[in-house]
Amino acid sequence: MSDRIFAGVWLLLCIGGLYIGWGIHSEYSYEPLGPRPFPLIILGLMALCAVLMLLRHPQVVTWPHRATLQRLLVLIITLSLYAWLFEWLGFPLATALLTFSIALLFGARVLAAAISGVVMGVALYYAFDRLLDVTLPLGVWLN
């Protein structure tokens, strides 16, 4: 029953997001499609998955262990901080810190997490900014 409650709430949130996303307009075209299609596609797919969860046969749900729930809470906080500090820190540094913290959550050693964080931050910035021509913030500390 809890999975259907979750799916119903998630479907309502997706519908609200689709309503908000439909109103996204850019004053100038900086990308071929503009800013609207990506959120609409993602929210549409999430709404489809929520509908499928509502229609499927319910299964017995077992809650995960307390340690897993704590790690999920830390992950939610980390992703929220990433979204909040994204423009101020800039894409490379914010992504490096996010990758570092997620690697630690999954049990990586500190050195491996730091190296993967730096590599991901720089490589993804290069891929998006140079190869895909997507404008990303560098942060207020570099401007």
N, C-alpha and C. Protein backbone atom coordinates (compact mmCIF):
# COMPACT_ATOMS: atom_id res chain seq x y z
N MET A 1 0.81 -1.20 0.00
CA MET A 1 0.00 0.00 0.00
C MET A 1 0.85 1.26 0.00
N SER A 2 2.02 1.21 0.71
CA SER A 2 2.85 2.40 0.79
C SER A 2 3.45 2.76 -0.56
N ASP A 3 3.69 1.76 -1.43
CA ASP A 3 4.22 2.09 -2.75
C ASP A 3 3.16 2.80 -3.61
N ARG A 4 1.90 2.47 -3.41
CA ARG A 4 0.84 3.17 -4.16
C ARG A 4 0.64 4.59 -3.64
N ILE A 5 0.76 4.77 -2.34
CA ILE A 5 0.67 6.13 -1.78
C ILE A 5 1.83 6.96 -2.34
N PHE A 6 3.03 6.39 -2.33
CA PHE A 6 4.20 7.09 -2.88
C PHE A 6 3.97 7.42 -4.35
N ALA A 7 3.47 6.46 -5.13
CA ALA A 7 3.25 6.68 -6.56
C ALA A 7 2.20 7.76 -6.79
N GLY A 8 1.15 7.80 -5.98
CA GLY A 8 0.13 8.84 -6.13
C GLY A 8 0.68 10.23 -5.83
N VAL A 9 1.43 10.34 -4.75
CA VAL A 9 2.04 11.63 -4.40
C VAL A 9 3.04 12.03 -5.47
N TRP A 10 3.86 11.07 -5.93
CA TRP A 10 4.86 11.37 -6.96
C TRP A 10 4.19 11.80 -8.26
N LEU A 11 3.09 11.18 -8.62
CA LEU A 11 2.36 11.56 -9.83
C LEU A 11 1.84 12.99 -9.72
N LEU A 12 1.31 13.35 -8.56
CA LEU A 12 0.85 14.73 -8.36
C LEU A 12 2.00 15.73 -8.46
N LEU A 13 3.15 15.38 -7.88
CA LEU A 13 4.32 16.25 -7.98
C LEU A 13 4.79 16.37 -9.43
N CYS A 14 4.75 15.29 -10.18
CA CYS A 14 5.16 15.33 -11.59
C CYS A 14 4.20 16.19 -12.41
N ILE A 15 2.92 16.08 -12.14
CA ILE A 15 1.94 16.91 -12.86
C ILE A 15 2.18 18.38 -12.54
N GLY A 16 2.44 18.70 -11.28
CA GLY A 16 2.77 20.07 -10.91
C GLY A 16 4.04 20.55 -11.59
N GLY A 17 5.05 19.67 -11.65
CA GLY A 17 6.29 20.02 -12.32
C GLY A 17 6.10 20.22 -13.82
N LEU A 18 5.26 19.40 -14.44
CA LEU A 18 4.97 19.57 -15.87
C LEU A 18 4.27 20.91 -16.12
N TYR A 19 3.38 21.28 -15.22
CA TYR A 19 2.68 22.57 -15.36
C TYR A 19 3.68 23.73 -15.26
N ILE A 20 4.58 23.64 -14.29
CA ILE A 20 5.59 24.69 -14.14
C ILE A 20 6.57 24.66 -15.31
N GLY A 21 6.98 23.46 -15.72
CA GLY A 21 7.94 23.32 -16.81
C GLY A 21 7.42 23.82 -18.14
N TRP A 22 6.13 23.73 -18.35
CA TRP A 22 5.55 24.21 -19.61
C TRP A 22 5.73 25.72 -19.76
N GLY A 23 5.83 26.42 -18.64
CA GLY A 23 5.96 27.87 -18.68
C GLY A 23 7.40 28.36 -18.81
N ILE A 24 8.35 27.44 -18.94
CA ILE A 24 9.75 27.84 -19.06
C ILE A 24 9.98 28.41 -20.46
N HIS A 25 10.44 29.64 -20.50
CA HIS A 25 10.79 30.29 -21.77
C HIS A 25 12.10 31.02 -21.59
N SER A 26 12.86 31.09 -22.65
CA SER A 26 14.11 31.82 -22.62
C SER A 26 13.99 33.06 -23.49
N GLU A 27 14.56 34.16 -23.01
CA GLU A 27 14.50 35.39 -23.78
C GLU A 27 15.37 35.33 -25.03
N TYR A 28 16.39 34.51 -24.97
CA TYR A 28 17.25 34.33 -26.13
C TYR A 28 17.58 32.85 -26.26
N SER A 29 17.86 32.43 -27.46
CA SER A 29 18.13 31.01 -27.71
C SER A 29 19.63 30.76 -27.61
N TYR A 30 20.03 30.11 -26.55
CA TYR A 30 21.44 29.80 -26.37
C TYR A 30 21.73 28.33 -26.66
N GLU A 31 20.71 27.54 -26.88
CA GLU A 31 20.86 26.14 -27.25
C GLU A 31 19.84 25.85 -28.34
N PRO A 32 20.05 24.80 -29.14
CA PRO A 32 19.13 24.54 -30.25
C PRO A 32 17.68 24.35 -29.84
N LEU A 33 17.42 23.64 -28.74
CA LEU A 33 16.04 23.35 -28.33
C LEU A 33 15.52 24.32 -27.28
N GLY A 34 16.39 24.99 -26.60
CA GLY A 34 15.95 25.85 -25.51
C GLY A 34 15.88 25.07 -24.21
N PRO A 35 15.44 25.72 -23.14
CA PRO A 35 15.48 25.08 -21.82
C PRO A 35 14.26 24.22 -21.48
N ARG A 36 13.21 24.21 -22.28
CA ARG A 36 11.97 23.53 -21.91
C ARG A 36 11.96 22.01 -22.10
N PRO A 37 12.48 21.43 -23.18
CA PRO A 37 12.27 19.99 -23.42
C PRO A 37 12.85 19.06 -22.36
N PHE A 38 14.03 19.34 -21.85
CA PHE A 38 14.66 18.41 -20.91
C PHE A 38 13.82 18.19 -19.66
N PRO A 39 13.40 19.25 -18.95
CA PRO A 39 12.57 18.98 -17.77
C PRO A 39 11.24 18.33 -18.11
N LEU A 40 10.65 18.67 -19.25
CA LEU A 40 9.37 18.07 -19.61
C LEU A 40 9.52 16.58 -19.90
N ILE A 41 10.58 16.20 -20.58
CA ILE A 41 10.81 14.78 -20.88
C ILE A 41 11.06 13.99 -19.60
N ILE A 42 11.91 14.52 -18.72
CA ILE A 42 12.22 13.82 -17.47
C ILE A 42 10.96 13.69 -16.61
N LEU A 43 10.21 14.78 -16.47
CA LEU A 43 8.99 14.73 -15.66
C LEU A 43 7.93 13.82 -16.29
N GLY A 44 7.85 13.81 -17.62
CA GLY A 44 6.92 12.91 -18.29
C GLY A 44 7.26 11.45 -18.04
N LEU A 45 8.55 11.11 -18.11
CA LEU A 45 8.97 9.73 -17.84
C LEU A 45 8.72 9.35 -16.38
N MET A 46 8.96 10.29 -15.46
CA MET A 46 8.68 10.00 -14.05
C MET A 46 7.19 9.82 -13.81
N ALA A 47 6.36 10.61 -14.48
CA ALA A 47 4.90 10.46 -14.35
C ALA A 47 4.46 9.11 -14.90
N LEU A 48 5.04 8.69 -16.02
CA LEU A 48 4.72 7.38 -16.59
C LEU A 48 5.09 6.26 -15.62
N CYS A 49 6.25 6.36 -14.99
CA CYS A 49 6.65 5.35 -14.01
C CYS A 49 5.73 5.35 -12.80
N ALA A 50 5.27 6.53 -12.37
CA ALA A 50 4.34 6.60 -11.25
C ALA A 50 3.01 5.94 -11.61
N VAL A 51 2.54 6.14 -12.84
CA VAL A 51 1.29 5.50 -13.28
C VAL A 51 1.47 3.99 -13.31
N LEU A 52 2.62 3.53 -13.80
CA LEU A 52 2.88 2.09 -13.83
C LEU A 52 2.93 1.51 -12.42
N MET A 53 3.48 2.27 -11.47
CA MET A 53 3.49 1.80 -10.08
C MET A 53 2.08 1.72 -9.51
N LEU A 54 1.22 2.65 -9.91
CA LEU A 54 -0.16 2.61 -9.43
C LEU A 54 -0.93 1.43 -10.00
N LEU A 55 -0.60 1.02 -11.22
CA LEU A 55 -1.36 -0.03 -11.89
C LEU A 55 -0.85 -1.45 -11.61
N ARG A 56 0.35 -1.59 -11.13
CA ARG A 56 0.90 -2.93 -10.94
C ARG A 56 0.35 -3.58 -9.68
N HIS A 57 0.52 -4.88 -9.61
CA HIS A 57 0.05 -5.66 -8.46
C HIS A 57 0.94 -5.33 -7.26
N PRO A 58 0.36 -4.98 -6.13
CA PRO A 58 1.18 -4.58 -4.97
C PRO A 58 1.99 -5.75 -4.42
N GLN A 59 3.17 -5.44 -3.96
CA GLN A 59 4.05 -6.43 -3.35
C GLN A 59 4.25 -6.08 -1.88
N VAL A 60 4.72 -7.04 -1.13
CA VAL A 60 5.03 -6.78 0.27
C VAL A 60 6.28 -5.91 0.33
N VAL A 61 6.19 -4.81 1.04
CA VAL A 61 7.30 -3.86 1.13
C VAL A 61 8.01 -4.06 2.45
N THR A 62 9.32 -4.23 2.38
CA THR A 62 10.12 -4.30 3.59
C THR A 62 11.02 -3.07 3.62
N TRP A 63 11.05 -2.41 4.76
CA TRP A 63 11.86 -1.21 4.89
C TRP A 63 13.32 -1.58 5.04
N PRO A 64 14.21 -0.76 4.49
CA PRO A 64 15.64 -1.05 4.62
C PRO A 64 16.14 -0.83 6.05
N HIS A 65 17.36 -1.26 6.28
CA HIS A 65 17.96 -1.10 7.59
C HIS A 65 18.17 0.38 7.91
N ARG A 66 18.34 0.66 9.17
CA ARG A 66 18.50 2.05 9.63
C ARG A 66 19.73 2.71 8.99
N ALA A 67 20.82 1.98 8.84
CA ALA A 67 22.03 2.54 8.24
C ALA A 67 21.78 2.96 6.79
N THR A 68 21.01 2.18 6.07
CA THR A 68 20.68 2.53 4.68
C THR A 68 19.82 3.78 4.62
N LEU A 69 18.86 3.90 5.51
CA LEU A 69 18.03 5.11 5.56
C LEU A 69 18.85 6.34 5.91
N GLN A 70 19.83 6.18 6.80
CA GLN A 70 20.69 7.30 7.14
C GLN A 70 21.55 7.72 5.95
N ARG A 71 22.06 6.75 5.21
CA ARG A 71 22.84 7.08 4.02
C ARG A 71 21.98 7.78 2.97
N LEU A 72 20.73 7.35 2.83
CA LEU A 72 19.83 8.02 1.89
C LEU A 72 19.54 9.45 2.32
N LEU A 73 19.39 9.68 3.61
CA LEU A 73 19.17 11.03 4.11
C LEU A 73 20.39 11.92 3.84
N VAL A 74 21.59 11.38 4.05
CA VAL A 74 22.81 12.13 3.75
C VAL A 74 22.88 12.42 2.26
N LEU A 75 22.48 11.48 1.42
CA LEU A 75 22.48 11.69 -0.03
C LEU A 75 21.51 12.80 -0.42
N ILE A 76 20.32 12.83 0.18
CA ILE A 76 19.34 13.88 -0.12
C ILE A 76 19.88 15.24 0.30
N ILE A 77 20.50 15.30 1.46
CA ILE A 77 21.08 16.57 1.92
C ILE A 77 22.21 17.01 0.99
N THR A 78 23.05 16.07 0.57
CA THR A 78 24.15 16.39 -0.33
C THR A 78 23.64 16.92 -1.67
N LEU A 79 22.63 16.28 -2.22
CA LEU A 79 22.07 16.75 -3.50
C LEU A 79 21.39 18.11 -3.36
N SER A 80 20.77 18.34 -2.21
CA SER A 80 20.16 19.65 -1.98
C SER A 80 21.23 20.74 -1.88
N LEU A 81 22.32 20.45 -1.19
CA LEU A 81 23.42 21.41 -1.11
C LEU A 81 24.04 21.66 -2.48
N TYR A 82 24.13 20.61 -3.29
CA TYR A 82 24.66 20.75 -4.65
C TYR A 82 23.79 21.72 -5.46
N ALA A 83 22.49 21.55 -5.37
CA ALA A 83 21.58 22.44 -6.11
C ALA A 83 21.65 23.87 -5.57
N TRP A 84 21.79 24.00 -4.26
CA TRP A 84 21.80 25.33 -3.65
C TRP A 84 23.10 26.08 -3.94
N LEU A 85 24.24 25.37 -3.97
CA LEU A 85 25.55 26.00 -4.14
C LEU A 85 26.07 25.93 -5.58
N PHE A 86 25.27 25.39 -6.49
CA PHE A 86 25.73 25.16 -7.87
C PHE A 86 26.23 26.43 -8.54
N GLU A 87 25.47 27.49 -8.51
CA GLU A 87 25.87 28.72 -9.20
C GLU A 87 27.00 29.43 -8.46
N TRP A 88 26.97 29.39 -7.15
CA TRP A 88 27.98 30.10 -6.38
C TRP A 88 29.35 29.42 -6.47
N LEU A 89 29.37 28.09 -6.32
CA LEU A 89 30.63 27.36 -6.41
C LEU A 89 31.06 27.13 -7.86
N GLY A 90 30.10 27.04 -8.75
CA GLY A 90 30.39 26.72 -10.13
C GLY A 90 30.27 25.23 -10.37
N PHE A 91 30.09 24.87 -11.63
CA PHE A 91 29.88 23.46 -11.98
C PHE A 91 31.07 22.58 -11.62
N PRO A 92 32.32 22.93 -11.98
CA PRO A 92 33.42 21.98 -11.71
C PRO A 92 33.61 21.70 -10.22
N LEU A 93 33.63 22.73 -9.39
CA LEU A 93 33.87 22.52 -7.96
C LEU A 93 32.66 21.84 -7.29
N ALA A 94 31.46 22.28 -7.61
CA ALA A 94 30.27 21.67 -7.02
C ALA A 94 30.15 20.19 -7.40
N THR A 95 30.44 19.87 -8.65
CA THR A 95 30.37 18.48 -9.11
C THR A 95 31.47 17.64 -8.48
N ALA A 96 32.66 18.22 -8.32
CA ALA A 96 33.76 17.50 -7.67
C ALA A 96 33.39 17.17 -6.22
N LEU A 97 32.81 18.14 -5.51
CA LEU A 97 32.41 17.89 -4.12
C LEU A 97 31.27 16.88 -4.03
N LEU A 98 30.33 16.96 -4.96
CA LEU A 98 29.23 15.99 -4.97
C LEU A 98 29.75 14.58 -5.24
N THR A 99 30.61 14.44 -6.22
CA THR A 99 31.17 13.13 -6.55
C THR A 99 31.98 12.58 -5.38
N PHE A 100 32.75 13.45 -4.74
CA PHE A 100 33.55 13.06 -3.57
C PHE A 100 32.65 12.52 -2.46
N SER A 101 31.59 13.24 -2.15
CA SER A 101 30.72 12.81 -1.05
C SER A 101 29.94 11.54 -1.38
N ILE A 102 29.50 11.41 -2.62
CA ILE A 102 28.78 10.19 -3.00
C ILE A 102 29.71 8.99 -3.01
N ALA A 103 30.95 9.19 -3.44
CA ALA A 103 31.93 8.10 -3.42
C ALA A 103 32.17 7.64 -1.98
N LEU A 104 32.26 8.59 -1.05
CA LEU A 104 32.44 8.22 0.35
C LEU A 104 31.22 7.46 0.88
N LEU A 105 30.02 7.86 0.45
CA LEU A 105 28.82 7.15 0.87
C LEU A 105 28.80 5.70 0.40
N PHE A 106 29.39 5.47 -0.77
CA PHE A 106 29.42 4.11 -1.31
C PHE A 106 30.65 3.33 -0.87
N GLY A 107 31.41 3.88 0.08
CA GLY A 107 32.50 3.13 0.68
C GLY A 107 33.86 3.29 0.03
N ALA A 108 34.06 4.30 -0.78
CA ALA A 108 35.37 4.51 -1.39
C ALA A 108 36.35 5.06 -0.36
N ARG A 109 37.63 4.83 -0.61
CA ARG A 109 38.65 5.44 0.24
C ARG A 109 38.73 6.93 -0.07
N VAL A 110 39.24 7.71 0.87
CA VAL A 110 39.25 9.17 0.74
C VAL A 110 40.07 9.60 -0.48
N LEU A 111 41.22 9.01 -0.70
CA LEU A 111 42.06 9.39 -1.84
C LEU A 111 41.37 9.06 -3.17
N ALA A 112 40.77 7.89 -3.26
CA ALA A 112 40.07 7.51 -4.49
C ALA A 112 38.86 8.41 -4.72
N ALA A 113 38.15 8.76 -3.65
CA ALA A 113 37.01 9.66 -3.77
C ALA A 113 37.44 11.04 -4.22
N ALA A 114 38.56 11.53 -3.69
CA ALA A 114 39.05 12.86 -4.07
C ALA A 114 39.50 12.88 -5.54
N ILE A 115 40.20 11.86 -5.95
CA ILE A 115 40.66 11.79 -7.35
C ILE A 115 39.47 11.70 -8.30
N SER A 116 38.50 10.85 -7.97
CA SER A 116 37.33 10.72 -8.85
C SER A 116 36.52 12.01 -8.87
N GLY A 117 36.45 12.70 -7.75
CA GLY A 117 35.73 13.98 -7.71
C GLY A 117 36.36 15.01 -8.62
N VAL A 118 37.66 15.15 -8.55
CA VAL A 118 38.36 16.13 -9.40
C VAL A 118 38.23 15.74 -10.87
N VAL A 119 38.43 14.47 -11.18
CA VAL A 119 38.33 14.02 -12.57
C VAL A 119 36.92 14.24 -13.12
N MET A 120 35.90 13.88 -12.35
CA MET A 120 34.53 14.06 -12.82
C MET A 120 34.18 15.53 -13.00
N GLY A 121 34.57 16.37 -12.04
CA GLY A 121 34.27 17.80 -12.15
C GLY A 121 34.87 18.42 -13.40
N VAL A 122 36.15 18.13 -13.65
CA VAL A 122 36.83 18.71 -14.81
C VAL A 122 36.35 18.08 -16.11
N ALA A 123 36.24 16.75 -16.14
CA ALA A 123 35.84 16.07 -17.37
C ALA A 123 34.41 16.42 -17.78
N LEU A 124 33.50 16.45 -16.83
CA LEU A 124 32.12 16.80 -17.18
C LEU A 124 31.99 18.26 -17.60
N TYR A 125 32.76 19.15 -16.96
CA TYR A 125 32.72 20.55 -17.39
C TYR A 125 33.23 20.68 -18.82
N TYR A 126 34.33 20.00 -19.11
CA TYR A 126 34.86 20.05 -20.47
C TYR A 126 33.86 19.45 -21.46
N ALA A 127 33.26 18.32 -21.11
CA ALA A 127 32.32 17.67 -22.04
C ALA A 127 31.11 18.56 -22.31
N PHE A 128 30.53 19.14 -21.27
CA PHE A 128 29.35 19.97 -21.47
C PHE A 128 29.69 21.31 -22.10
N ASP A 129 30.75 21.96 -21.63
CA ASP A 129 31.05 23.31 -22.10
C ASP A 129 31.67 23.30 -23.49
N ARG A 130 32.62 22.44 -23.73
CA ARG A 130 33.34 22.46 -25.02
C ARG A 130 32.70 21.57 -26.08
N LEU A 131 32.36 20.34 -25.71
CA LEU A 131 31.87 19.40 -26.71
C LEU A 131 30.39 19.59 -27.02
N LEU A 132 29.56 19.81 -25.98
CA LEU A 132 28.12 19.95 -26.18
C LEU A 132 27.66 21.40 -26.25
N ASP A 133 28.56 22.33 -25.98
CA ASP A 133 28.28 23.76 -26.05
C ASP A 133 27.13 24.18 -25.14
N VAL A 134 27.13 23.63 -23.92
CA VAL A 134 26.15 23.99 -22.90
C VAL A 134 26.83 24.96 -21.93
N THR A 135 26.23 26.11 -21.73
CA THR A 135 26.82 27.11 -20.85
C THR A 135 26.62 26.71 -19.40
N LEU A 136 27.73 26.59 -18.66
CA LEU A 136 27.69 26.23 -17.25
C LEU A 136 28.42 27.28 -16.43
N PRO A 137 27.95 27.51 -15.20
CA PRO A 137 28.61 28.53 -14.38
C PRO A 137 29.96 28.06 -13.85
N LEU A 138 30.91 28.99 -13.79
CA LEU A 138 32.21 28.69 -13.19
C LEU A 138 32.26 29.08 -11.73
N GLY A 139 31.26 29.80 -11.26
CA GLY A 139 31.22 30.22 -9.87
C GLY A 139 31.66 31.66 -9.70
N VAL A 140 31.24 32.24 -8.60
CA VAL A 140 31.59 33.64 -8.35
C VAL A 140 33.05 33.82 -8.00
N TRP A 141 33.71 32.77 -7.55
CA TRP A 141 35.11 32.87 -7.16
C TRP A 141 36.03 32.91 -8.38
N LEU A 142 35.58 32.55 -9.56
CA LEU A 142 36.40 32.63 -10.77
C LEU A 142 36.06 33.81 -11.65
N ASN A 143 34.96 34.49 -11.39
CA ASN A 143 34.56 35.62 -12.23
C ASN A 143 35.23 36.89 -11.84
